[in-house]
Amino acid sequence: MKIFPFSEASFYESTMTPSKSSCLSDGCVSSSNNKMPMKQRNFDETESEIDFSDRGLNSLEEIPRIFYCNNITRLTLSHNKIRTIPQSIANLSNLEMLNLFNNQLEDIPTSLATMPKLKILNVGMNKLSFLPRGFGSCPSLEVLDLTYNNLNNNSLPANFFMLTTLRALYFGDNDFELLSPEVGNLKNLQILVLRDNDLLMLPAEIGLLTKLKELHIQGNRLTILPPEIGALDLTSQRSIVRMENNPWVHPIAEQLALGSHHVIEYIRSDAYRFLYGRHNQSFNPSAVPNKNDEKKAKKLSRARK
């Protein structure tokens, strides 16, 4: 079963677009309703895929008997106003996909890490500033979307990079200045999205991600790349590399004007290794252009009420 496409854009087409209608036990309910009557929040308990996107929900408790339905494998709750997820979400022991995109979550329950079959978790466009302790114990997680939140270097639990089953990690539009070298533990990662953060440098350990096919690092404060990234297969026709809108050193900027694949070829050269070593010795973070606070203030996760 293919659980995610090789494209950040196409992944968001499937998660950000609310369904036009959802056929529940009381008939089809239009997603244009701001508030769904309680009687229409019932659902066929024999169904394995439940879609309650864009229903004006404030809490999961508004869906009767939801936590008693062990047969549910896919639960979509995107585009609501949900503020908390109860620990009892773990009662859905067969759940494989949980979509909470575009809600008002400030935290997520520790019990998510105990869900044995959860493969896809989308909590993008919320108000998360940290992840719960022990989150890295999720046994089967393959796709994790944390885009459009308020996460930074100190937001991740100590065991986060023990998520060795991950194939796609979406960190875009957060507040990271550094990425832990432990990212190199994610040996199965194929998509890594770090766009629109405040990253000053990337760890050399990214070069250990030998299965990586997509790397999105555009819109950061990067000036140079570790040569170890050159060991990755990021120049094939199937690979995607995005690195624009960074204050690159001049040699990288010149290569980028020709295409990102030219940059990957360049950082494999001895000339670049010399440049990188010299740059590292004299690197001064204060010399890197300051983060754009006005731009950050407009972030969706902070602008929404």
C-alpha atoms as a PDB file:
ATOM      1  CA  MET A   1       0.000   0.000   0.000  1.00  0.00           C
ATOM      2  CA  LYS A   2       1.413   3.371  -1.013  1.00  0.00           C
ATOM      3  CA  ILE A   3       0.803   5.703   1.896  1.00  0.00           C
ATOM      4  CA  PHE A   4       2.334   8.918   0.604  1.00  0.00           C
ATOM      5  CA  PRO A   5       3.319  10.380  -2.748  1.00  0.00           C
ATOM      6  CA  PHE A   6       6.836  11.514  -3.635  1.00  0.00           C
ATOM      7  CA  SER A   7       5.845  15.159  -3.576  1.00  0.00           C
ATOM      8  CA  GLU A   8       5.257  17.580  -0.766  1.00  0.00           C
ATOM      9  CA  ALA A   9       2.776  19.492  -2.920  1.00  0.00           C
ATOM     10  CA  SER A  10       0.680  16.461  -3.777  1.00  0.00           C
ATOM     11  CA  PHE A  11       0.721  15.340  -0.139  1.00  0.00           C
ATOM     12  CA  TYR A  12      -0.825  18.658   0.857  1.00  0.00           C
ATOM     13  CA  GLU A  13      -3.408  18.436  -1.877  1.00  0.00           C
ATOM     14  CA  SER A  14      -4.717  15.334  -0.125  1.00  0.00           C
ATOM     15  CA  THR A  15      -4.537  16.712   3.437  1.00  0.00           C
ATOM     16  CA  MET A  16      -5.417  20.384   3.134  1.00  0.00           C
ATOM     17  CA  THR A  17      -8.423  20.091   0.838  1.00  0.00           C
ATOM     18  CA  PRO A  18     -11.577  19.406   2.854  1.00  0.00           C
ATOM     19  CA  SER A  19     -14.114  16.970   1.488  1.00  0.00           C
ATOM     20  CA  LYS A  20     -17.185  18.478  -0.077  1.00  0.00           C
ATOM     21  CA  SER A  21     -19.514  16.125   1.740  1.00  0.00           C
ATOM     22  CA  SER A  22     -19.438  13.206   4.074  1.00  0.00           C
ATOM     23  CA  CYS A  23     -22.070  10.460   3.934  1.00  0.00           C
ATOM     24  CA  LEU A  24     -22.873   9.625   7.542  1.00  0.00           C
ATOM     25  CA  SER A  25     -25.630   7.458   8.957  1.00  0.00           C
ATOM     26  CA  ASP A  26     -28.022  10.422   8.842  1.00  0.00           C
ATOM     27  CA  GLY A  27     -27.282  11.268   5.199  1.00  0.00           C
ATOM     28  CA  CYS A  28     -24.787  13.513   3.436  1.00  0.00           C
ATOM     29  CA  VAL A  29     -23.766  16.648   5.338  1.00  0.00           C
ATOM     30  CA  SER A  30     -22.268  19.589   3.446  1.00  0.00           C
ATOM     31  CA  SER A  31     -18.835  20.711   4.604  1.00  0.00           C
ATOM     32  CA  SER A  32     -20.025  24.314   4.314  1.00  0.00           C
ATOM     33  CA  ASN A  33     -21.929  23.950   7.577  1.00  0.00           C
ATOM     34  CA  ASN A  34     -20.266  25.902  10.387  1.00  0.00           C
ATOM     35  CA  LYS A  35     -21.765  23.657  13.024  1.00  0.00           C
ATOM     36  CA  MET A  36     -23.067  20.156  12.517  1.00  0.00           C
ATOM     37  CA  PRO A  37     -26.176  19.218  14.562  1.00  0.00           C
ATOM     38  CA  MET A  38     -25.426  16.565  17.165  1.00  0.00           C
ATOM     39  CA  LYS A  39     -27.728  14.041  15.525  1.00  0.00           C
ATOM     40  CA  GLN A  40     -25.643  14.365  12.362  1.00  0.00           C
ATOM     41  CA  ARG A  41     -22.439  13.593  14.249  1.00  0.00           C
ATOM     42  CA  ASN A  42     -23.450   9.978  14.503  1.00  0.00           C
ATOM     43  CA  PHE A  43     -21.798   7.625  12.047  1.00  0.00           C
ATOM     44  CA  ASP A  44     -21.937   4.078  10.830  1.00  0.00           C
ATOM     45  CA  GLU A  45     -19.917   2.222  13.441  1.00  0.00           C
ATOM     46  CA  THR A  46     -19.168  -0.564  10.982  1.00  0.00           C
ATOM     47  CA  GLU A  47     -17.197   1.801   8.729  1.00  0.00           C
ATOM     48  CA  SER A  48     -13.416   1.685   8.934  1.00  0.00           C
ATOM     49  CA  GLU A  49     -12.818   5.133   7.387  1.00  0.00           C
ATOM     50  CA  ILE A  50     -14.431   8.123   9.123  1.00  0.00           C
ATOM     51  CA  ASP A  51     -14.308  11.692   7.783  1.00  0.00           C
ATOM     52  CA  PHE A  52     -15.399  14.517  10.097  1.00  0.00           C
ATOM     53  CA  SER A  53     -13.432  17.273   8.373  1.00  0.00           C
ATOM     54  CA  ASP A  54     -14.769  20.843   8.517  1.00  0.00           C
ATOM     55  CA  ARG A  55     -17.604  20.129  10.931  1.00  0.00           C
ATOM     56  CA  GLY A  56     -17.125  22.878  13.506  1.00  0.00           C
ATOM     57  CA  LEU A  57     -15.951  20.375  16.112  1.00  0.00           C
ATOM     58  CA  ASN A  58     -14.420  21.698  19.328  1.00  0.00           C
ATOM     59  CA  SER A  59     -13.827  18.309  20.908  1.00  0.00           C
ATOM     60  CA  LEU A  60     -13.797  14.637  19.980  1.00  0.00           C
ATOM     61  CA  GLU A  61     -16.348  14.053  22.723  1.00  0.00           C
ATOM     62  CA  GLU A  62     -18.888  15.660  20.367  1.00  0.00           C
ATOM     63  CA  ILE A  63     -18.753  12.482  18.264  1.00  0.00           C
ATOM     64  CA  PRO A  64     -20.793   9.825  20.118  1.00  0.00           C
ATOM     65  CA  ARG A  65     -19.068   6.505  20.802  1.00  0.00           C
ATOM     66  CA  ILE A  66     -16.020   7.378  18.703  1.00  0.00           C
ATOM     67  CA  PHE A  67     -13.648   5.787  21.230  1.00  0.00           C
ATOM     68  CA  TYR A  68     -15.504   2.476  21.183  1.00  0.00           C
ATOM     69  CA  CYS A  69     -14.972   1.828  17.483  1.00  0.00           C
ATOM     70  CA  ASN A  70     -11.904  -0.380  17.323  1.00  0.00           C
ATOM     71  CA  ASN A  71     -12.532  -1.091  13.646  1.00  0.00           C
ATOM     72  CA  ILE A  72     -11.612   2.473  12.556  1.00  0.00           C
ATOM     73  CA  THR A  73      -8.413   2.549  10.473  1.00  0.00           C
ATOM     74  CA  ARG A  74      -8.573   6.107   9.051  1.00  0.00           C
ATOM     75  CA  LEU A  75      -9.905   9.109  10.993  1.00  0.00           C
ATOM     76  CA  THR A  76      -9.991  12.566   9.402  1.00  0.00           C
ATOM     77  CA  LEU A  77     -10.689  15.519  11.718  1.00  0.00           C
ATOM     78  CA  SER A  78      -9.025  18.299   9.724  1.00  0.00           C
ATOM     79  CA  HIS A  79     -10.314  21.888   9.473  1.00  0.00           C
ATOM     80  CA  ASN A  80     -12.081  21.982  12.853  1.00  0.00           C
ATOM     81  CA  LYS A  81     -11.504  23.867  16.128  1.00  0.00           C
ATOM     82  CA  ILE A  82     -10.288  20.991  18.273  1.00  0.00           C
ATOM     83  CA  ARG A  83      -8.052  22.144  21.143  1.00  0.00           C
ATOM     84  CA  THR A  84      -7.191  18.866  22.869  1.00  0.00           C
ATOM     85  CA  ILE A  85      -7.022  15.180  22.040  1.00  0.00           C
ATOM     86  CA  PRO A  86      -7.838  12.888  24.985  1.00  0.00           C
ATOM     87  CA  GLN A  87      -5.526  10.070  26.027  1.00  0.00           C
ATOM     88  CA  SER A  88      -8.363   7.689  25.160  1.00  0.00           C
ATOM     89  CA  ILE A  89      -7.566   8.158  21.460  1.00  0.00           C
ATOM     90  CA  ALA A  90      -5.333   5.132  22.019  1.00  0.00           C
ATOM     91  CA  ASN A  91      -8.493   3.010  22.365  1.00  0.00           C
ATOM     92  CA  LEU A  92      -8.609   3.059  18.560  1.00  0.00           C
ATOM     93  CA  SER A  93      -6.081   0.262  18.447  1.00  0.00           C
ATOM     94  CA  ASN A  94      -6.451  -0.391  14.692  1.00  0.00           C
ATOM     95  CA  LEU A  95      -6.029   3.239  13.638  1.00  0.00           C
ATOM     96  CA  GLU A  96      -3.516   3.654  10.808  1.00  0.00           C
ATOM     97  CA  MET A  97      -4.113   7.269   9.764  1.00  0.00           C
ATOM     98  CA  LEU A  98      -5.030  10.274  11.954  1.00  0.00           C
ATOM     99  CA  ASN A  99      -5.466  13.644  10.251  1.00  0.00           C
ATOM    100  CA  LEU A 100      -5.788  16.650  12.589  1.00  0.00           C
ATOM    101  CA  PHE A 101      -4.570  19.257  10.108  1.00  0.00           C
ATOM    102  CA  ASN A 102      -5.781  22.827  10.760  1.00  0.00           C
ATOM    103  CA  ASN A 103      -7.134  22.710  14.295  1.00  0.00           C
ATOM    104  CA  GLN A 104      -6.116  24.565  17.456  1.00  0.00           C
ATOM    105  CA  LEU A 105      -4.036  21.959  19.231  1.00  0.00           C
ATOM    106  CA  GLU A 106      -1.404  23.188  21.685  1.00  0.00           C
ATOM    107  CA  ASP A 107      -0.321  19.679  22.641  1.00  0.00           C
ATOM    108  CA  ILE A 108      -0.934  16.065  21.714  1.00  0.00           C
ATOM    109  CA  PRO A 109      -1.377  13.120  24.104  1.00  0.00           C
ATOM    110  CA  THR A 110       1.459  10.831  25.137  1.00  0.00           C
ATOM    111  CA  SER A 111      -0.809   7.868  24.382  1.00  0.00           C
ATOM    112  CA  LEU A 112      -0.252   8.353  20.635  1.00  0.00           C
ATOM    113  CA  ALA A 113       3.119   6.674  21.117  1.00  0.00           C
ATOM    114  CA  THR A 114       1.369   3.486  22.229  1.00  0.00           C
ATOM    115  CA  MET A 115      -0.807   3.069  19.126  1.00  0.00           C
ATOM    116  CA  PRO A 116       0.551  -0.065  17.445  1.00  0.00           C
ATOM    117  CA  LYS A 117      -0.705   0.478  13.878  1.00  0.00           C
ATOM    118  CA  LEU A 118      -0.542   4.270  13.475  1.00  0.00           C
ATOM    119  CA  LYS A 119       1.381   4.956  10.247  1.00  0.00           C
ATOM    120  CA  ILE A 120       0.299   8.469   9.232  1.00  0.00           C
ATOM    121  CA  LEU A 121      -0.080  11.398  11.653  1.00  0.00           C
ATOM    122  CA  ASN A 122      -0.876  14.872  10.343  1.00  0.00           C
ATOM    123  CA  VAL A 123      -0.944  17.615  12.990  1.00  0.00           C
ATOM    124  CA  GLY A 124       0.099  20.401  10.639  1.00  0.00           C
ATOM    125  CA  MET A 125      -1.277  23.935  11.007  1.00  0.00           C
ATOM    126  CA  ASN A 126      -1.864  23.843  14.754  1.00  0.00           C
ATOM    127  CA  LYS A 127      -0.253  25.658  17.704  1.00  0.00           C
ATOM    128  CA  LEU A 128       2.203  23.038  18.891  1.00  0.00           C
ATOM    129  CA  SER A 129       5.304  24.331  20.671  1.00  0.00           C
ATOM    130  CA  PHE A 130       6.472  20.932  21.938  1.00  0.00           C
ATOM    131  CA  LEU A 131       5.929  17.219  21.428  1.00  0.00           C
ATOM    132  CA  PRO A 132       5.152  14.934  24.380  1.00  0.00           C
ATOM    133  CA  ARG A 133       7.746  12.961  26.252  1.00  0.00           C
ATOM    134  CA  GLY A 134       8.257   9.518  24.765  1.00  0.00           C
ATOM    135  CA  PHE A 135       6.785  10.435  21.378  1.00  0.00           C
ATOM    136  CA  GLY A 136       9.678   8.689  19.638  1.00  0.00           C
ATOM    137  CA  SER A 137       8.316   5.341  20.804  1.00  0.00           C
ATOM    138  CA  CYS A 138       5.622   5.256  18.111  1.00  0.00           C
ATOM    139  CA  PRO A 139       6.218   1.736  16.760  1.00  0.00           C
ATOM    140  CA  SER A 140       4.895   2.022  13.184  1.00  0.00           C
ATOM    141  CA  LEU A 141       4.863   5.720  12.242  1.00  0.00           C
ATOM    142  CA  GLU A 142       5.893   6.309   8.616  1.00  0.00           C
ATOM    143  CA  VAL A 143       4.581   9.798   7.774  1.00  0.00           C
ATOM    144  CA  LEU A 144       4.700  12.669  10.294  1.00  0.00           C
ATOM    145  CA  ASP A 145       3.467  16.125   9.317  1.00  0.00           C
ATOM    146  CA  LEU A 146       4.285  18.926  11.778  1.00  0.00           C
ATOM    147  CA  THR A 147       4.152  21.787   9.260  1.00  0.00           C
ATOM    148  CA  TYR A 148       2.908  25.249  10.325  1.00  0.00           C
ATOM    149  CA  ASN A 149       3.499  24.984  14.076  1.00  0.00           C
ATOM    150  CA  ASN A 150       5.750  26.732  16.607  1.00  0.00           C
ATOM    151  CA  LEU A 151       8.397  24.058  17.110  1.00  0.00           C
ATOM    152  CA  ASN A 152      12.100  24.765  17.661  1.00  0.00           C
ATOM    153  CA  ASN A 153      15.362  23.062  18.666  1.00  0.00           C
ATOM    154  CA  ASN A 154      14.091  22.461  22.213  1.00  0.00           C
ATOM    155  CA  SER A 155      10.613  21.181  21.303  1.00  0.00           C
ATOM    156  CA  LEU A 156      11.441  17.553  20.590  1.00  0.00           C
ATOM    157  CA  PRO A 157      11.589  14.781  23.210  1.00  0.00           C
ATOM    158  CA  ALA A 158      14.893  13.024  23.806  1.00  0.00           C
ATOM    159  CA  ASN A 159      13.810   9.911  21.913  1.00  0.00           C
ATOM    160  CA  PHE A 160      12.309  11.684  18.875  1.00  0.00           C
ATOM    161  CA  PHE A 161      14.958  10.456  16.454  1.00  0.00           C
ATOM    162  CA  MET A 162      14.264   6.858  17.449  1.00  0.00           C
ATOM    163  CA  LEU A 163      11.366   6.972  14.956  1.00  0.00           C
ATOM    164  CA  THR A 164      13.311   4.706  12.636  1.00  0.00           C
ATOM    165  CA  THR A 165      10.202   3.652  10.692  1.00  0.00           C
ATOM    166  CA  LEU A 166       9.694   7.217   9.387  1.00  0.00           C
ATOM    167  CA  ARG A 167       9.693   7.607   5.618  1.00  0.00           C
ATOM    168  CA  ALA A 168       8.486  11.227   5.426  1.00  0.00           C
ATOM    169  CA  LEU A 169       9.087  14.024   7.958  1.00  0.00           C
ATOM    170  CA  TYR A 170       7.532  17.457   7.442  1.00  0.00           C
ATOM    171  CA  PHE A 171       9.059  20.180   9.668  1.00  0.00           C
ATOM    172  CA  GLY A 172       8.261  23.082   7.311  1.00  0.00           C
ATOM    173  CA  ASP A 173       7.338  26.541   8.618  1.00  0.00           C
ATOM    174  CA  ASN A 174       8.473  26.196  12.216  1.00  0.00           C
ATOM    175  CA  ASP A 175      11.222  27.923  14.231  1.00  0.00           C
ATOM    176  CA  PHE A 176      14.223  25.596  14.040  1.00  0.00           C
ATOM    177  CA  GLU A 177      17.678  27.200  14.004  1.00  0.00           C
ATOM    178  CA  LEU A 178      19.498  23.888  14.358  1.00  0.00           C
ATOM    179  CA  LEU A 179      18.677  20.281  13.566  1.00  0.00           C
ATOM    180  CA  SER A 180      19.978  17.525  15.810  1.00  0.00           C
ATOM    181  CA  PRO A 181      22.738  15.294  14.389  1.00  0.00           C
ATOM    182  CA  GLU A 182      20.527  12.414  15.545  1.00  0.00           C
ATOM    183  CA  VAL A 183      18.492  12.938  12.381  1.00  0.00           C
ATOM    184  CA  GLY A 184      21.004  10.512  10.886  1.00  0.00           C
ATOM    185  CA  ASN A 185      19.248   7.720  12.811  1.00  0.00           C
ATOM    186  CA  LEU A 186      16.206   7.959  10.519  1.00  0.00           C
ATOM    187  CA  LYS A 187      17.630   5.432   8.079  1.00  0.00           C
ATOM    188  CA  ASN A 188      14.360   4.873   6.185  1.00  0.00           C
ATOM    189  CA  LEU A 189      13.645   8.568   5.545  1.00  0.00           C
ATOM    190  CA  GLN A 190      12.826   9.374   1.925  1.00  0.00           C
ATOM    191  CA  ILE A 191      11.328  12.861   2.297  1.00  0.00           C
ATOM    192  CA  LEU A 192      12.726  15.554   4.615  1.00  0.00           C
ATOM    193  CA  VAL A 193      11.028  18.959   4.579  1.00  0.00           C
ATOM    194  CA  LEU A 194      12.749  21.746   6.528  1.00  0.00           C
ATOM    195  CA  ARG A 195      11.594  24.719   4.467  1.00  0.00           C
ATOM    196  CA  ASP A 196      10.805  28.143   5.969  1.00  0.00           C
ATOM    197  CA  ASN A 197      12.517  27.781   9.321  1.00  0.00           C
ATOM    198  CA  ASP A 198      15.528  29.714  10.661  1.00  0.00           C
ATOM    199  CA  LEU A 199      18.169  27.042  10.085  1.00  0.00           C
ATOM    200  CA  LEU A 200      21.738  28.335  10.286  1.00  0.00           C
ATOM    201  CA  MET A 201      23.387  25.051   9.331  1.00  0.00           C
ATOM    202  CA  LEU A 202      22.593  21.428   8.596  1.00  0.00           C
ATOM    203  CA  PRO A 203      24.223  18.498  10.399  1.00  0.00           C
ATOM    204  CA  ALA A 204      26.647  16.356   8.433  1.00  0.00           C
ATOM    205  CA  GLU A 205      24.621  13.340   9.557  1.00  0.00           C
ATOM    206  CA  ILE A 206      22.007  14.095   6.888  1.00  0.00           C
ATOM    207  CA  GLY A 207      24.514  12.377   4.629  1.00  0.00           C
ATOM    208  CA  LEU A 208      23.648   9.102   6.385  1.00  0.00           C
ATOM    209  CA  LEU A 209      20.087   9.184   5.026  1.00  0.00           C
ATOM    210  CA  THR A 210      20.894   7.005   2.044  1.00  0.00           C
ATOM    211  CA  LYS A 211      17.242   6.515   1.021  1.00  0.00           C
ATOM    212  CA  LEU A 212      16.501  10.244   0.834  1.00  0.00           C
ATOM    213  CA  LYS A 213      14.775  11.278  -2.410  1.00  0.00           C
ATOM    214  CA  GLU A 214      13.433  14.713  -1.444  1.00  0.00           C
ATOM    215  CA  LEU A 215      15.156  17.488   0.502  1.00  0.00           C
ATOM    216  CA  HIS A 216      13.384  20.821   1.018  1.00  0.00           C
ATOM    217  CA  ILE A 217      15.579  23.438   2.728  1.00  0.00           C
ATOM    218  CA  GLN A 218      14.392  26.622   1.006  1.00  0.00           C
ATOM    219  CA  GLY A 219      13.604  29.751   2.992  1.00  0.00           C
ATOM    220  CA  ASN A 220      16.120  29.392   5.808  1.00  0.00           C
ATOM    221  CA  ARG A 221      19.346  31.204   6.845  1.00  0.00           C
ATOM    222  CA  LEU A 222      21.754  28.677   5.375  1.00  0.00           C
ATOM    223  CA  THR A 223      25.044  29.878   3.913  1.00  0.00           C
ATOM    224  CA  ILE A 224      26.798  26.558   3.309  1.00  0.00           C
ATOM    225  CA  LEU A 225      26.089  22.821   3.112  1.00  0.00           C
ATOM    226  CA  PRO A 226      27.990  19.913   4.685  1.00  0.00           C
ATOM    227  CA  PRO A 227      29.894  18.002   1.966  1.00  0.00           C
ATOM    228  CA  GLU A 228      28.402  14.759   3.299  1.00  0.00           C
ATOM    229  CA  ILE A 229      25.115  15.634   1.579  1.00  0.00           C
ATOM    230  CA  GLY A 230      26.962  15.092  -1.702  1.00  0.00           C
ATOM    231  CA  ALA A 231      27.020  11.358  -0.933  1.00  0.00           C
ATOM    232  CA  LEU A 232      23.250  11.164  -1.341  1.00  0.00           C
ATOM    233  CA  ASP A 233      21.513  10.269  -4.590  1.00  0.00           C
ATOM    234  CA  LEU A 234      19.902  13.663  -5.097  1.00  0.00           C
ATOM    235  CA  THR A 235      20.780  14.238  -8.751  1.00  0.00           C
ATOM    236  CA  SER A 236      18.580  11.595 -10.357  1.00  0.00           C
ATOM    237  CA  GLN A 237      15.411  12.456 -12.255  1.00  0.00           C
ATOM    238  CA  ARG A 238      13.285  11.071  -9.420  1.00  0.00           C
ATOM    239  CA  SER A 239      14.864  13.264  -6.757  1.00  0.00           C
ATOM    240  CA  ILE A 240      13.671  16.710  -5.660  1.00  0.00           C
ATOM    241  CA  VAL A 241      15.927  19.294  -4.024  1.00  0.00           C
ATOM    242  CA  ARG A 242      14.697  22.786  -3.110  1.00  0.00           C
ATOM    243  CA  MET A 243      17.187  25.262  -1.624  1.00  0.00           C
ATOM    244  CA  GLU A 244      16.283  28.734  -2.892  1.00  0.00           C
ATOM    245  CA  ASN A 245      15.835  31.796  -0.638  1.00  0.00           C
ATOM    246  CA  ASN A 246      18.907  31.245   1.523  1.00  0.00           C
ATOM    247  CA  PRO A 247      21.916  33.612   1.896  1.00  0.00           C
ATOM    248  CA  TRP A 248      24.331  31.144   0.290  1.00  0.00           C
ATOM    249  CA  VAL A 249      28.049  31.813  -0.092  1.00  0.00           C
ATOM    250  CA  HIS A 250      28.829  33.024  -3.595  1.00  0.00           C
ATOM    251  CA  PRO A 251      30.072  29.710  -5.102  1.00  0.00           C
ATOM    252  CA  ILE A 252      26.877  27.895  -4.038  1.00  0.00           C
ATOM    253  CA  ALA A 253      24.709  30.772  -5.260  1.00  0.00           C
ATOM    254  CA  GLU A 254      26.430  30.566  -8.658  1.00  0.00           C
ATOM    255  CA  GLN A 255      25.761  26.842  -8.939  1.00  0.00           C
ATOM    256  CA  LEU A 256      22.172  27.235  -7.748  1.00  0.00           C
ATOM    257  CA  ALA A 257      21.527  29.649 -10.603  1.00  0.00           C
ATOM    258  CA  LEU A 258      22.164  26.661 -12.879  1.00  0.00           C
ATOM    259  CA  GLY A 259      19.990  24.312 -10.835  1.00  0.00           C
ATOM    260  CA  SER A 260      20.004  22.547  -7.478  1.00  0.00           C
ATOM    261  CA  HIS A 261      21.543  19.422  -9.009  1.00  0.00           C
ATOM    262  CA  HIS A 262      24.586  21.508  -9.937  1.00  0.00           C
ATOM    263  CA  VAL A 263      24.960  22.402  -6.264  1.00  0.00           C
ATOM    264  CA  ILE A 264      24.972  18.728  -5.271  1.00  0.00           C
ATOM    265  CA  GLU A 265      27.637  17.991  -7.877  1.00  0.00           C
ATOM    266  CA  TYR A 266      29.695  20.974  -6.687  1.00  0.00           C
ATOM    267  CA  ILE A 267      29.714  20.027  -2.997  1.00  0.00           C
ATOM    268  CA  ARG A 268      31.231  16.663  -3.992  1.00  0.00           C
ATOM    269  CA  SER A 269      34.387  18.412  -5.225  1.00  0.00           C
ATOM    270  CA  ASP A 270      37.680  18.842  -3.377  1.00  0.00           C
ATOM    271  CA  ALA A 271      37.500  22.573  -4.026  1.00  0.00           C
ATOM    272  CA  TYR A 272      34.259  22.747  -2.077  1.00  0.00           C
ATOM    273  CA  ARG A 273      35.619  20.692   0.815  1.00  0.00           C
ATOM    274  CA  PHE A 274      38.403  23.224   1.163  1.00  0.00           C
ATOM    275  CA  LEU A 275      35.906  26.097   1.079  1.00  0.00           C
ATOM    276  CA  TYR A 276      33.692  24.360   3.633  1.00  0.00           C
ATOM    277  CA  GLY A 277      36.561  23.767   6.058  1.00  0.00           C
ATOM    278  CA  ARG A 278      37.704  27.375   5.811  1.00  0.00           C
ATOM    279  CA  HIS A 279      34.148  28.672   6.233  1.00  0.00           C
ATOM    280  CA  ASN A 280      33.529  26.520   9.293  1.00  0.00           C
ATOM    281  CA  GLN A 281      36.626  27.899  11.012  1.00  0.00           C
ATOM    282  CA  SER A 282      35.450  31.478  10.574  1.00  0.00           C
ATOM    283  CA  PHE A 283      31.676  30.939  10.824  1.00  0.00           C
ATOM    284  CA  ASN A 284      29.954  33.668  12.835  1.00  0.00           C
ATOM    285  CA  PRO A 285      26.183  33.197  13.310  1.00  0.00           C
ATOM    286  CA  SER A 286      25.744  36.894  14.027  1.00  0.00           C
ATOM    287  CA  ALA A 287      26.953  37.652  10.501  1.00  0.00           C
ATOM    288  CA  VAL A 288      24.067  35.703   8.984  1.00  0.00           C
ATOM    289  CA  PRO A 289      21.073  37.919   8.092  1.00  0.00           C
ATOM    290  CA  ASN A 290      18.628  38.153  10.974  1.00  0.00           C
ATOM    291  CA  LYS A 291      15.414  36.205  10.879  1.00  0.00           C
ATOM    292  CA  ASN A 292      12.503  38.107   9.415  1.00  0.00           C
ATOM    293  CA  ASP A 293      10.352  38.692  12.510  1.00  0.00           C
ATOM    294  CA  GLU A 294       7.652  40.401  10.481  1.00  0.00           C
ATOM    295  CA  LYS A 295       7.386  37.344   8.254  1.00  0.00           C
ATOM    296  CA  LYS A 296       7.299  35.036  11.271  1.00  0.00           C
ATOM    297  CA  ALA A 297       4.573  37.138  12.889  1.00  0.00           C
ATOM    298  CA  LYS A 298       2.381  36.352   9.922  1.00  0.00           C
ATOM    299  CA  LYS A 299       2.732  32.605  10.307  1.00  0.00           C
ATOM    300  CA  LEU A 300      -0.578  30.838  10.006  1.00  0.00           C
ATOM    301  CA  SER A 301      -0.144  29.059  13.331  1.00  0.00           C
ATOM    302  CA  ARG A 302       0.153  32.406  15.117  1.00  0.00           C
ATOM    303  CA  ALA A 303      -2.250  34.476  13.048  1.00  0.00           C
ATOM    304  CA  ARG A 304      -5.281  32.265  13.556  1.00  0.00           C
ATOM    305  CA  LYS A 305      -7.493  32.964  16.573  1.00  0.00           C
END
